[in-house]
Amino acid sequence: MEYENKKPFHCDLCDFSVFNHSVLRNHIECVHEKLKQHQCNICQQGLRTKSTLKRHVQSVHENKKPFKCNLCNQFFGSKSVLQNHTKTMHLKIKPFKCQICDRSFGSNFNIQEHIQAVHENKRPFQCSLCKYSAFGQKDLIIHIERVHEKLKLHHCNICQNSFGSNPNLQQHIQAVHENKRPFHCDLCQYSAFRKKDFIIHIACVHEKLKLNQCNICQKSFGTKSSLKRHVKTCSNMLKFYQK
C-alpha cells in the first residue's frame, strides 16, 4: 500500500524508519540507549521496568483499570494516569497550546500526537478489513475490537450491560443509573441526556419533520429507528413480489 513507503522519521544510528516521532523515540530508548529494555510482546511498546510493563499489559491489553476518578467514574490503569486525567479534564490544566488550531493539551507528548494526526494527517496504521486508518496502533486495535470483532470490554457494575468503549459506558451510567438529563423541552415534559436526542425530539414531535426516507418506497419517517423497522418490512415485501 502507498502508506508503507512513507516513513518520515529516521533513526540516525541505524536503518530504522517509522511513521511518527514517538515510536522513533521509543526505538532509540529501547535499542540504542537501553533505557527501555522491557518490551511488550503484544504491541512492541518498550518500557523501562518490569513493573511498568506489567501495568501496561494489565491496563491496555487486559483492560484492568483499578484507579477510579471520583468526579466522572472513569477507571485508569495507574495512579499517575488518573492524576493526569484529573489535571487536564477536570482542573483544565493544559499548558501546551497548538499554534495551528489553538487547542490545548496536558503534555508535550499529547500535543505532538495531535499535530501529526490532525494537522499532518499521519495515519499509518491501516485496517485490513475496511478503509479505516489510525495514527496510533492502539487506536487501530480498539477499532478492530469494537467494529469488526464486536467486543464489548467495558462492563457496567450496576446492571452488567457491556459497551465497546469507556465513553459509551460513562454515558450509560449517567443517563440510565444517575438519570442525568440536562436537556429539557420547553414544549412538553421530555428531557434527554444527549443534545442530539433532544434535537431529534423537537424535530419529530413538535415540528413534525420526517427527514429519514426509505430508498425503496420513498416513505419518510421521523427517526432512524422507525425507518430501520420499515425498511426491513419493505424489503421483505419487495422480495415477495419479485418472486
Protein backbone atom coordinates (compact mmCIF):
# COMPACT_ATOMS: atom_id res chain seq x y z
CA MET A 1 0.00 0.00 0.00
CA GLU A 2 1.01 3.62 -0.50
CA TYR A 3 1.45 4.43 3.18
CA GLU A 4 4.04 1.68 3.67
CA ASN A 5 6.64 3.71 1.76
CA LYS A 6 6.16 6.90 3.74
CA LYS A 7 8.20 6.78 6.93
CA PRO A 8 9.42 10.32 7.54
CA PHE A 9 11.18 9.71 10.88
CA HIS A 10 14.60 8.05 10.51
CA CYS A 11 16.98 6.79 13.15
CA ASP A 12 20.48 8.32 12.85
CA LEU A 13 22.03 5.27 14.48
CA CYS A 14 20.64 2.53 12.22
CA ASP A 15 18.40 1.97 9.18
CA PHE A 16 15.18 2.04 11.21
CA SER A 17 12.43 4.41 10.00
CA VAL A 18 8.91 4.91 11.25
CA PHE A 19 5.71 6.92 10.85
CA ASN A 20 5.76 9.12 13.95
CA HIS A 21 8.26 10.67 16.30
CA SER A 22 7.05 8.97 19.48
CA VAL A 23 7.70 5.50 18.02
CA LEU A 24 11.16 6.61 16.87
CA ARG A 25 11.89 7.91 20.36
CA ASN A 26 10.76 4.59 21.81
CA HIS A 27 13.05 2.73 19.37
CA ILE A 28 16.11 4.80 20.34
CA GLU A 29 15.47 4.36 24.06
CA CYS A 30 14.92 0.60 23.71
CA VAL A 31 17.58 -0.36 21.18
CA HIS A 32 20.40 2.20 21.40
CA GLU A 33 20.15 3.83 24.82
CA LYS A 34 18.96 0.64 26.54
CA LEU A 35 16.59 2.74 28.66
CA LYS A 36 13.51 0.67 27.87
CA GLN A 37 14.65 -2.93 27.99
CA HIS A 38 11.24 -4.44 28.71
CA GLN A 39 9.18 -4.79 25.56
CA CYS A 40 5.51 -5.74 25.32
CA ASN A 41 5.07 -8.94 23.30
CA ILE A 42 1.63 -7.81 22.12
CA CYS A 43 2.21 -4.29 20.76
CA GLN A 44 6.05 -4.00 20.95
CA GLN A 45 5.97 -0.88 23.13
CA GLY A 46 9.11 -0.51 25.20
CA LEU A 47 9.02 0.21 28.93
CA ARG A 48 11.69 0.99 31.47
CA THR A 49 10.86 -1.52 34.22
CA LYS A 50 9.11 -4.87 34.66
CA SER A 51 6.50 -3.22 36.87
CA THR A 52 5.56 -0.64 34.23
CA LEU A 53 5.41 -3.40 31.62
CA LYS A 54 3.08 -5.37 33.90
CA ARG A 55 0.83 -2.33 34.41
CA HIS A 56 0.86 -1.67 30.66
CA VAL A 57 -0.31 -5.21 29.83
CA GLN A 58 -2.98 -5.15 32.53
CA SER A 59 -4.45 -1.75 31.63
CA VAL A 60 -4.07 -1.72 27.82
CA HIS A 61 -4.45 -5.36 26.79
CA GLU A 62 -6.32 -6.94 29.72
CA ASN A 63 -8.44 -3.83 30.41
CA LYS A 64 -7.69 -3.93 34.15
CA LYS A 65 -8.08 -0.39 35.47
CA PRO A 66 -8.33 -0.25 39.28
CA PHE A 67 -7.95 3.53 39.76
CA LYS A 68 -11.29 5.33 39.69
CA CYS A 69 -11.90 9.03 39.15
CA ASN A 70 -14.45 10.18 41.73
CA LEU A 71 -15.51 13.08 39.53
CA CYS A 72 -16.61 11.19 36.41
CA ASN A 73 -16.38 7.48 37.36
CA GLN A 74 -13.79 6.63 34.71
CA PHE A 75 -11.19 3.98 35.53
CA PHE A 76 -7.44 4.06 34.80
CA GLY A 77 -4.54 1.65 34.81
CA SER A 78 -2.25 3.67 37.07
CA LYS A 79 -2.38 6.43 39.64
CA SER A 80 -0.23 8.73 37.50
CA VAL A 81 -2.62 8.43 34.54
CA LEU A 82 -5.53 9.17 36.87
CA GLN A 83 -3.74 12.26 38.19
CA ASN A 84 -3.02 13.47 34.65
CA HIS A 85 -6.69 12.91 33.75
CA THR A 86 -7.81 14.96 36.76
CA LYS A 87 -5.47 17.83 35.87
CA THR A 88 -6.41 18.03 32.21
CA MET A 89 -10.10 17.07 32.19
CA HIS A 90 -11.41 18.46 35.49
CA LEU A 91 -8.94 21.13 36.57
CA LYS A 92 -8.43 22.16 32.91
CA ILE A 93 -4.65 22.44 33.33
CA LYS A 94 -3.45 22.30 29.72
CA PRO A 95 -0.27 24.37 29.32
CA PHE A 96 0.68 23.06 25.86
CA LYS A 97 -1.15 25.04 23.18
CA CYS A 98 -1.30 24.14 19.49
CA GLN A 99 -0.20 27.08 17.35
CA ILE A 100 -2.33 25.91 14.43
CA CYS A 101 -5.80 25.47 15.94
CA ASP A 102 -5.43 26.86 19.49
CA ARG A 103 -6.35 23.54 21.16
CA SER A 104 -4.54 22.91 24.45
CA PHE A 105 -3.10 19.73 25.92
CA GLY A 106 -1.77 18.46 29.22
CA SER A 107 1.58 17.26 27.93
CA ASN A 108 4.05 17.81 25.10
CA PHE A 109 3.58 14.20 24.04
CA ASN A 110 -0.18 14.77 23.56
CA ILE A 111 0.29 17.92 21.51
CA GLN A 112 2.84 16.22 19.22
CA GLU A 113 0.40 13.35 18.65
CA HIS A 114 -2.35 15.89 17.92
CA ILE A 115 -0.26 17.77 15.34
CA GLN A 116 0.76 14.62 13.49
CA ALA A 117 -2.69 13.04 13.48
CA VAL A 118 -4.88 16.11 12.86
CA HIS A 119 -2.80 18.71 11.01
CA GLU A 120 -0.31 16.46 9.22
CA ASN A 121 -2.94 13.74 8.70
CA LYS A 122 -0.49 10.95 9.50
CA ARG A 123 -2.50 7.75 9.88
CA PRO A 124 -0.05 4.95 9.11
CA PHE A 125 -1.96 2.07 10.70
CA GLN A 126 -4.39 0.76 8.07
CA CYS A 127 -7.22 -1.63 8.90
CA SER A 128 -7.07 -4.73 6.67
CA LEU A 129 -10.85 -5.20 6.94
CA CYS A 130 -12.04 -1.73 5.89
CA LYS A 131 -10.77 1.69 4.80
CA TYR A 132 -10.21 2.94 8.36
CA SER A 133 -6.73 4.18 9.25
CA ALA A 134 -5.37 5.41 12.57
CA PHE A 135 -2.48 7.47 13.87
CA GLY A 136 -1.63 5.00 16.64
CA GLN A 137 -1.57 1.22 16.82
CA LYS A 138 -3.70 1.34 19.96
CA ASP A 139 -6.44 3.20 18.08
CA LEU A 140 -6.39 0.57 15.34
CA ILE A 141 -6.66 -2.24 17.89
CA ILE A 142 -9.63 -0.51 19.53
CA HIS A 143 -11.27 -0.04 16.11
CA ILE A 144 -10.90 -3.73 15.20
CA GLU A 145 -12.22 -4.86 18.58
CA ARG A 146 -15.24 -2.54 18.52
CA VAL A 147 -16.20 -2.53 14.84
CA HIS A 148 -15.15 -5.91 13.42
CA GLU A 149 -14.93 -8.22 16.43
CA LYS A 150 -17.90 -6.56 18.16
CA LEU A 151 -16.14 -6.83 21.51
CA LYS A 152 -17.68 -5.03 24.47
CA LEU A 153 -14.98 -4.94 27.12
CA HIS A 154 -16.38 -2.15 29.28
CA HIS A 155 -18.88 -3.55 31.78
CA CYS A 156 -21.40 -1.71 33.93
CA ASN A 157 -21.03 -2.73 37.58
CA ILE A 158 -24.66 -1.86 38.26
CA CYS A 159 -26.65 -3.71 35.58
CA GLN A 160 -23.97 -5.81 33.83
CA ASN A 161 -24.55 -4.24 30.40
CA SER A 162 -21.40 -4.06 28.28
CA PHE A 163 -20.11 -1.41 25.88
CA GLY A 164 -17.47 -1.03 23.22
CA SER A 165 -15.79 2.00 24.79
CA ASN A 166 -15.42 3.68 28.17
CA PRO A 167 -17.14 6.93 27.00
CA ASN A 168 -20.20 4.89 25.98
CA LEU A 169 -20.16 3.18 29.38
CA GLN A 170 -19.98 6.53 31.17
CA GLN A 171 -22.86 7.88 29.09
CA HIS A 172 -24.90 4.82 30.02
CA ILE A 173 -24.21 5.24 33.75
CA GLN A 174 -25.09 8.93 33.74
CA ALA A 175 -28.21 8.59 31.60
CA VAL A 176 -29.66 5.35 32.99
CA HIS A 177 -28.44 4.96 36.57
CA GLU A 178 -27.83 8.59 37.58
CA ASN A 179 -30.79 9.83 35.50
CA LYS A 180 -28.89 12.87 34.23
CA ARG A 181 -30.98 14.56 31.53
CA PRO A 182 -29.77 18.16 31.22
CA PHE A 183 -31.68 18.97 28.01
CA HIS A 184 -35.30 19.89 28.81
CA CYS A 185 -38.03 20.56 26.28
CA ASP A 186 -39.98 23.82 26.81
CA LEU A 187 -43.00 22.42 24.96
CA CYS A 188 -43.52 19.21 26.96
CA GLN A 189 -42.03 17.23 29.85
CA TYR A 190 -39.44 15.44 27.72
CA SER A 191 -35.79 15.59 28.77
CA ALA A 192 -32.70 13.99 27.26
CA PHE A 193 -29.15 13.12 28.24
CA ARG A 194 -27.74 13.93 24.81
CA LYS A 195 -28.28 17.15 22.85
CA LYS A 196 -28.63 15.06 19.69
CA ASP A 197 -31.64 13.20 21.13
CA PHE A 198 -33.17 16.49 22.25
CA ILE A 199 -32.87 17.98 18.74
CA ILE A 200 -34.41 14.85 17.22
CA HIS A 201 -37.31 15.08 19.69
CA ILE A 202 -38.05 18.72 18.74
CA ALA A 203 -37.86 17.95 15.01
CA CYS A 204 -40.00 14.80 15.11
CA VAL A 205 -42.56 15.53 17.83
CA HIS A 206 -43.14 19.27 17.71
CA GLU A 207 -42.05 20.29 14.21
CA LYS A 208 -43.40 17.06 12.66
CA LEU A 209 -40.35 16.75 10.40
CA LYS A 210 -39.71 13.43 8.67
CA LEU A 211 -36.13 13.52 7.41
CA ASN A 212 -35.45 9.80 7.08
CA GLN A 213 -36.62 8.48 3.72
CA CYS A 214 -36.94 4.89 2.54
CA ASN A 215 -34.96 4.30 -0.65
CA ILE A 216 -37.41 1.59 -1.72
CA CYS A 217 -40.80 3.31 -1.48
CA GLN A 218 -39.79 6.92 -0.64
CA LYS A 219 -41.92 6.98 2.51
CA SER A 220 -40.45 9.26 5.20
CA PHE A 221 -40.08 8.81 8.96
CA GLY A 222 -39.22 10.96 11.92
CA THR A 223 -36.47 8.76 13.35
CA LYS A 224 -33.83 6.38 12.02
CA SER A 225 -35.16 3.57 14.23
CA SER A 226 -38.62 3.89 12.64
CA LEU A 227 -37.07 3.91 9.18
CA LYS A 228 -34.99 0.84 10.01
CA ARG A 229 -38.06 -1.13 11.12
CA HIS A 230 -39.94 -0.03 8.00
CA VAL A 231 -37.07 -0.91 5.61
CA LYS A 232 -36.96 -4.44 6.99
CA THR A 233 -40.68 -4.90 6.27
CA CYS A 234 -40.47 -3.09 2.94
CA SER A 235 -37.55 -5.24 1.79
CA ASN A 236 -39.42 -8.45 2.65
CA MET A 237 -42.45 -7.26 0.69
CA LEU A 238 -40.27 -6.37 -2.29
CA LYS A 239 -38.67 -9.82 -2.29
CA PHE A 240 -42.13 -11.42 -2.13
CA TYR A 241 -43.43 -9.56 -5.18
CA GLN A 242 -40.23 -10.19 -7.13
CA LYS A 243 -40.65 -13.97 -6.92
